[in-house]
Amino acid sequence: MLAILGFLGKTYIDERGNTVCSDKDKFRLSKLKILSELDGKTIDTVGEEFEEKILEFPMDIIEIDAQQNPDFSQIDLFLRLNTKPYPIKENTFEMWNAYIDKDIIIKVKEIATKYEKKIFRARDTRMKLEELITSLGYIDYRMNQSHTEIINVLNIYKRNERMCARIMSKDNVTKTLSELSNNNPKIFVEALENVELFVNKILILIENNFEQLRELFNHSKKGIQYKTDQNFYFLWAILFKIPIEELQNRRQENFNRISRIFSSIQKTPVNYTTEMFLREIES
């Protein structure tokens, strides 16, 4: 901001409340790797066209809720946004945590705390578990809208003899969270409550024995990461249309069927297509 104000020759209010100019007021552009034709120019010689582009360029503002983030560090956020190797990326829970509705954040963190190291992997400083839970809530929200199929929400494809799944567009997750935060956050909280229903379905399948989750995901070797995002995306797609009563009454049968599906996910037959897989998970 100060660099832009300095180049434009504009004043600003400093931390003492004084109206001041930048130390490099109306500085000269130099060593430009792009727009090199502007090298050596100042605001007075750059031309009206480029000056207007600067003045009309949109800038995002993120407001941090102090009550929601009591240990927030402005300096840490600045460094994370602008330096490597740990920048805060767009479309992640680290970014969503800063500005979306408080009730959504509280619900996500509540689920993460309740089921980490059990159903889900352990939480970390990058909030990857919270991001997964939010993504599952987004899938539920989208799938409960009319005329929405799983292929509109998840990108399911075959690669290197295995099936893969990811959110179709993380941009859309961000847009949905922002829109609902401003207009009706309760709808997304309800979607997160359905994530808890999803977790309860998993608990029925594994009979509250967390070690059986590895078996369900068809991972026999210890040390292999099996609580991956895409495994939970697949499991969500399989369980979405199955009533909880059906799981309770035919637990072993459903467990065996889902385990077979994950066997195909981990080592997909050569002639096995994405379309065949979609038919199988919906049957």
Protein backbone atom coordinates (compact mmCIF):
# COMPACT_ATOMS: atom_id res chain seq x y z
CA MET A 1 0.00 0.00 0.00
CA LEU A 2 2.80 2.42 0.91
CA ALA A 3 4.63 1.64 -2.35
CA ILE A 4 1.47 2.46 -4.35
CA LEU A 5 0.84 5.67 -2.39
CA GLY A 6 4.48 6.67 -2.75
CA PHE A 7 4.52 6.14 -6.53
CA LEU A 8 1.25 8.08 -6.91
CA GLY A 9 2.56 10.93 -4.76
CA LYS A 10 -0.40 10.67 -2.38
CA THR A 11 -0.44 11.44 1.32
CA TYR A 12 -1.61 9.06 4.05
CA ILE A 13 -2.31 9.05 7.78
CA ASP A 14 0.60 7.50 9.71
CA GLU A 15 0.44 5.63 13.03
CA ARG A 16 0.65 8.96 14.92
CA GLY A 17 -2.32 10.41 13.08
CA ASN A 18 -0.23 12.81 10.99
CA THR A 19 -0.78 13.42 7.27
CA VAL A 20 2.53 12.54 5.59
CA CYS A 21 4.12 11.63 2.26
CA SER A 22 6.22 8.56 1.59
CA ASP A 23 9.98 8.89 2.06
CA LYS A 24 10.19 8.00 -1.64
CA ASP A 25 7.44 10.31 -2.82
CA LYS A 26 6.85 10.01 -6.58
CA PHE A 27 9.76 7.56 -6.94
CA ARG A 28 11.10 6.51 -10.34
CA LEU A 29 10.44 3.00 -11.69
CA SER A 30 13.57 0.92 -12.27
CA LYS A 31 14.75 -2.58 -13.22
CA LEU A 32 11.32 -3.61 -14.55
CA LYS A 33 11.14 -7.17 -15.88
CA ILE A 34 7.72 -6.56 -17.39
CA LEU A 35 6.40 -3.32 -18.89
CA SER A 36 10.04 -2.42 -19.41
CA GLU A 37 8.96 0.52 -21.57
CA LEU A 38 8.00 2.27 -18.31
CA ASP A 39 11.53 1.97 -16.88
CA GLY A 40 12.74 5.29 -15.52
CA LYS A 41 9.29 6.89 -15.49
CA THR A 42 7.51 8.57 -12.58
CA ILE A 43 3.82 9.17 -11.98
CA ASP A 44 4.18 12.47 -13.86
CA THR A 45 5.58 10.80 -16.99
CA VAL A 46 3.99 7.34 -16.96
CA GLY A 47 0.87 8.58 -18.75
CA GLU A 48 -2.81 8.82 -17.84
CA GLU A 49 -3.60 5.32 -19.15
CA PHE A 50 -1.34 3.56 -16.66
CA GLU A 51 -2.24 5.94 -13.83
CA GLU A 52 -5.92 5.07 -14.31
CA LYS A 53 -5.12 1.34 -14.29
CA ILE A 54 -3.46 1.76 -10.89
CA LEU A 55 -6.32 3.82 -9.47
CA GLU A 56 -9.01 1.46 -10.76
CA PHE A 57 -7.30 -1.82 -9.79
CA PRO A 58 -9.44 -3.70 -7.18
CA MET A 59 -7.82 -4.66 -3.87
CA ASP A 60 -9.22 -7.30 -1.50
CA ILE A 61 -9.62 -6.51 2.18
CA ILE A 62 -9.78 -9.31 4.76
CA GLU A 63 -11.12 -8.42 8.21
CA ILE A 64 -9.86 -10.55 11.10
CA ASP A 65 -12.32 -11.11 13.95
CA ALA A 66 -10.30 -10.63 17.17
CA GLN A 67 -12.81 -12.61 19.27
CA GLN A 68 -12.59 -15.55 16.89
CA ASN A 69 -8.79 -15.45 16.66
CA PRO A 70 -7.47 -14.35 20.08
CA ASP A 71 -3.87 -15.40 19.30
CA PHE A 72 -3.81 -13.80 15.85
CA SER A 73 -0.51 -12.23 14.77
CA GLN A 74 -0.64 -9.56 12.08
CA ILE A 75 3.06 -9.96 11.34
CA ASP A 76 2.75 -13.74 10.97
CA LEU A 77 -0.17 -13.34 8.54
CA PHE A 78 1.80 -10.81 6.47
CA LEU A 79 4.81 -13.09 6.29
CA ARG A 80 2.71 -16.16 5.49
CA LEU A 81 0.90 -14.30 2.70
CA ASN A 82 4.02 -12.89 1.12
CA THR A 83 6.90 -15.31 1.72
CA LYS A 84 7.81 -18.93 1.16
CA PRO A 85 7.90 -21.77 2.15
CA TYR A 86 4.67 -21.43 4.17
CA PRO A 87 2.38 -18.95 2.46
CA ILE A 88 -1.32 -18.93 3.26
CA LYS A 89 -2.95 -20.03 0.03
CA GLU A 90 -6.33 -19.06 -1.34
CA ASN A 91 -9.20 -21.54 -1.01
CA THR A 92 -7.85 -23.12 2.20
CA PHE A 93 -9.23 -23.24 5.73
CA GLU A 94 -6.33 -21.07 6.90
CA MET A 95 -7.77 -18.28 4.75
CA TRP A 96 -11.45 -19.12 5.40
CA ASN A 97 -10.76 -19.10 9.14
CA ALA A 98 -9.96 -15.39 8.95
CA TYR A 99 -13.27 -14.12 7.64
CA ILE A 100 -16.17 -16.57 7.25
CA ASP A 101 -19.06 -16.72 9.73
CA LYS A 102 -18.11 -17.52 13.33
CA ASP A 103 -20.74 -20.25 13.76
CA ILE A 104 -19.38 -22.12 10.72
CA ILE A 105 -15.82 -21.92 12.07
CA ILE A 106 -16.89 -23.09 15.54
CA LYS A 107 -18.79 -26.07 14.10
CA VAL A 108 -15.89 -27.15 11.88
CA LYS A 109 -13.40 -26.96 14.75
CA GLU A 110 -15.82 -28.80 17.05
CA ILE A 111 -16.02 -31.75 14.60
CA ALA A 112 -12.24 -31.70 14.12
CA THR A 113 -11.59 -31.82 17.86
CA LYS A 114 -14.14 -34.60 18.41
CA TYR A 115 -12.92 -36.99 15.72
CA GLU A 116 -9.23 -36.25 15.11
CA LYS A 117 -6.91 -39.26 15.53
CA LYS A 118 -10.01 -41.45 15.44
CA ILE A 119 -11.98 -41.20 12.23
CA PHE A 120 -9.81 -38.42 10.79
CA ARG A 121 -6.08 -37.79 10.90
CA ALA A 122 -4.53 -35.55 13.53
CA ARG A 123 -4.91 -31.78 13.28
CA ASP A 124 -1.93 -29.69 12.18
CA THR A 125 -0.90 -26.04 12.01
CA ARG A 126 -2.01 -25.78 8.37
CA MET A 127 -5.60 -26.71 9.40
CA LYS A 128 -5.80 -29.47 6.77
CA LEU A 129 -8.31 -31.48 8.82
CA GLU A 130 -10.58 -28.45 9.20
CA GLU A 131 -10.29 -27.91 5.45
CA LEU A 132 -11.38 -31.51 4.77
CA ILE A 133 -14.39 -31.19 7.09
CA THR A 134 -15.39 -27.91 5.43
CA SER A 135 -15.04 -29.53 2.01
CA LEU A 136 -17.28 -32.43 3.09
CA GLY A 137 -19.82 -29.87 4.29
CA TYR A 138 -19.62 -28.17 0.90
CA ILE A 139 -20.24 -31.49 -0.89
CA ASP A 140 -23.28 -32.13 1.29
CA TYR A 141 -24.60 -28.61 0.69
CA ARG A 142 -24.23 -28.97 -3.08
CA MET A 143 -25.66 -32.50 -3.26
CA ASN A 144 -28.78 -31.43 -1.41
CA GLN A 145 -29.52 -28.89 -4.13
CA SER A 146 -31.80 -29.99 -6.96
CA HIS A 147 -30.35 -31.39 -10.19
CA THR A 148 -26.89 -31.91 -8.71
CA GLU A 149 -24.95 -35.12 -9.34
CA ILE A 150 -21.75 -36.25 -7.68
CA ILE A 151 -19.81 -35.56 -10.89
CA ASN A 152 -20.86 -31.88 -10.59
CA VAL A 153 -19.09 -31.65 -7.22
CA LEU A 154 -16.27 -34.21 -7.32
CA ASN A 155 -13.79 -34.72 -10.11
CA ILE A 156 -13.45 -38.53 -10.20
CA TYR A 157 -10.90 -39.92 -12.63
CA LYS A 158 -8.51 -42.80 -13.23
CA ARG A 159 -4.75 -42.30 -13.06
CA ASN A 160 -1.82 -44.69 -12.73
CA GLU A 161 -4.02 -47.76 -12.18
CA ARG A 162 -6.07 -46.19 -9.39
CA MET A 163 -9.16 -44.04 -9.01
CA CYS A 164 -8.72 -40.49 -7.75
CA ALA A 165 -11.14 -37.87 -6.43
CA ARG A 166 -10.90 -34.19 -5.64
CA ILE A 167 -13.22 -31.21 -5.21
CA MET A 168 -14.25 -29.98 -8.64
CA SER A 169 -13.43 -26.37 -7.82
CA LYS A 170 -12.05 -25.01 -4.54
CA ASP A 171 -12.90 -21.53 -5.86
CA ASN A 172 -16.56 -22.51 -5.65
CA VAL A 173 -16.10 -23.61 -2.03
CA THR A 174 -14.74 -20.16 -1.19
CA LYS A 175 -17.55 -18.41 -3.06
CA THR A 176 -20.19 -20.56 -1.34
CA LEU A 177 -18.71 -19.93 2.12
CA SER A 178 -18.53 -16.19 1.51
CA GLU A 179 -22.08 -16.00 0.16
CA LEU A 180 -23.63 -18.08 2.94
CA SER A 181 -21.59 -16.29 5.62
CA ASN A 182 -23.13 -13.01 4.50
CA ASN A 183 -26.67 -14.24 3.84
CA ASN A 184 -27.55 -17.47 5.66
CA PRO A 185 -24.71 -19.22 7.54
CA LYS A 186 -27.20 -21.55 9.23
CA ILE A 187 -27.55 -23.50 5.95
CA PHE A 188 -23.87 -24.41 5.95
CA VAL A 189 -23.93 -25.26 9.67
CA GLU A 190 -26.70 -27.74 8.82
CA ALA A 191 -24.49 -29.22 6.10
CA LEU A 192 -21.74 -29.63 8.71
CA GLU A 193 -24.23 -31.42 10.96
CA ASN A 194 -24.67 -33.87 8.07
CA VAL A 195 -20.90 -34.37 8.14
CA GLU A 196 -21.40 -35.64 11.70
CA LEU A 197 -24.11 -37.96 10.36
CA PHE A 198 -21.54 -39.19 7.83
CA VAL A 199 -19.10 -39.85 10.68
CA ASN A 200 -21.79 -41.77 12.56
CA LYS A 201 -22.34 -43.94 9.48
CA ILE A 202 -18.62 -44.72 9.46
CA LEU A 203 -18.72 -45.59 13.17
CA ILE A 204 -21.57 -48.05 12.50
CA LEU A 205 -19.62 -49.65 9.66
CA ILE A 206 -16.49 -50.13 11.76
CA GLU A 207 -18.41 -50.93 14.98
CA ASN A 208 -16.62 -48.09 16.78
CA ASN A 209 -13.35 -49.91 16.23
CA PHE A 210 -11.08 -47.29 14.70
CA GLU A 211 -8.55 -49.91 13.59
CA GLN A 212 -11.19 -51.29 11.21
CA LEU A 213 -11.12 -48.06 9.24
CA ARG A 214 -7.80 -49.14 7.73
CA GLU A 215 -9.40 -52.43 6.69
CA LEU A 216 -12.40 -50.62 5.21
CA PHE A 217 -10.10 -48.47 3.11
CA ASN A 218 -8.35 -51.67 2.00
CA HIS A 219 -4.98 -50.77 3.51
CA SER A 220 -3.29 -53.74 5.13
CA LYS A 221 0.21 -52.26 5.50
CA LYS A 222 1.02 -50.13 8.49
CA GLY A 223 2.81 -46.85 7.88
CA ILE A 224 0.78 -46.10 4.74
CA GLN A 225 -1.35 -42.96 4.90
CA TYR A 226 -4.93 -44.08 4.43
CA LYS A 227 -6.90 -41.26 6.05
CA THR A 228 -6.52 -39.17 2.92
CA ASP A 229 -8.97 -36.54 1.71
CA GLN A 230 -9.87 -38.51 -1.39
CA ASN A 231 -10.66 -41.67 0.59
CA PHE A 232 -13.20 -39.66 2.59
CA TYR A 233 -14.58 -38.12 -0.61
CA PHE A 234 -15.10 -41.61 -2.04
CA LEU A 235 -16.63 -42.88 1.19
CA TRP A 236 -18.96 -39.89 1.35
CA ALA A 237 -20.11 -40.56 -2.24
CA ILE A 238 -20.81 -44.20 -1.36
CA LEU A 239 -22.66 -43.53 1.91
CA PHE A 240 -24.63 -40.42 0.89
CA LYS A 241 -27.76 -42.24 -0.31
CA ILE A 242 -27.62 -45.11 2.20
CA PRO A 243 -29.95 -44.55 5.19
CA ILE A 244 -28.37 -45.06 8.59
CA GLU A 245 -30.97 -47.75 9.40
CA GLU A 246 -29.83 -49.71 6.34
CA LEU A 247 -26.25 -49.60 7.62
CA GLN A 248 -27.33 -50.77 11.06
CA ASN A 249 -29.40 -53.68 9.72
CA ARG A 250 -26.89 -54.87 7.11
CA ARG A 251 -23.60 -53.68 8.53
CA GLN A 252 -21.36 -56.58 7.52
CA GLU A 253 -22.78 -56.77 4.02
CA ASN A 254 -22.21 -53.05 3.49
CA PHE A 255 -18.76 -53.22 5.05
CA ASN A 256 -17.72 -55.99 2.65
CA ARG A 257 -19.17 -54.18 -0.37
CA ILE A 258 -17.43 -50.89 0.46
CA SER A 259 -14.17 -52.71 1.14
CA ARG A 260 -14.40 -54.30 -2.32
CA ILE A 261 -14.98 -50.89 -3.90
CA PHE A 262 -11.88 -49.51 -2.18
CA SER A 263 -9.95 -52.50 -3.44
CA SER A 264 -10.83 -51.34 -6.96
CA ILE A 265 -9.87 -47.78 -6.03
CA GLN A 266 -6.41 -48.79 -4.82
CA LYS A 267 -5.66 -51.10 -7.73
CA THR A 268 -7.98 -50.43 -10.63
CA PRO A 269 -8.34 -53.10 -13.36
CA VAL A 270 -7.13 -52.03 -16.81
CA ASN A 271 -10.58 -52.17 -18.41
CA TYR A 272 -12.31 -50.53 -15.44
CA THR A 273 -13.62 -47.08 -16.42
CA THR A 274 -14.72 -44.07 -14.41
CA GLU A 275 -18.29 -44.62 -15.64
CA MET A 276 -18.21 -48.22 -14.34
CA PHE A 277 -16.94 -46.98 -10.99
CA LEU A 278 -19.69 -44.35 -10.70
CA ARG A 279 -22.33 -46.99 -11.41
CA GLU A 280 -20.84 -49.25 -8.78
CA ILE A 281 -20.77 -46.69 -5.97
CA GLU A 282 -24.37 -45.70 -6.66
CA SER A 283 -25.75 -49.23 -6.93
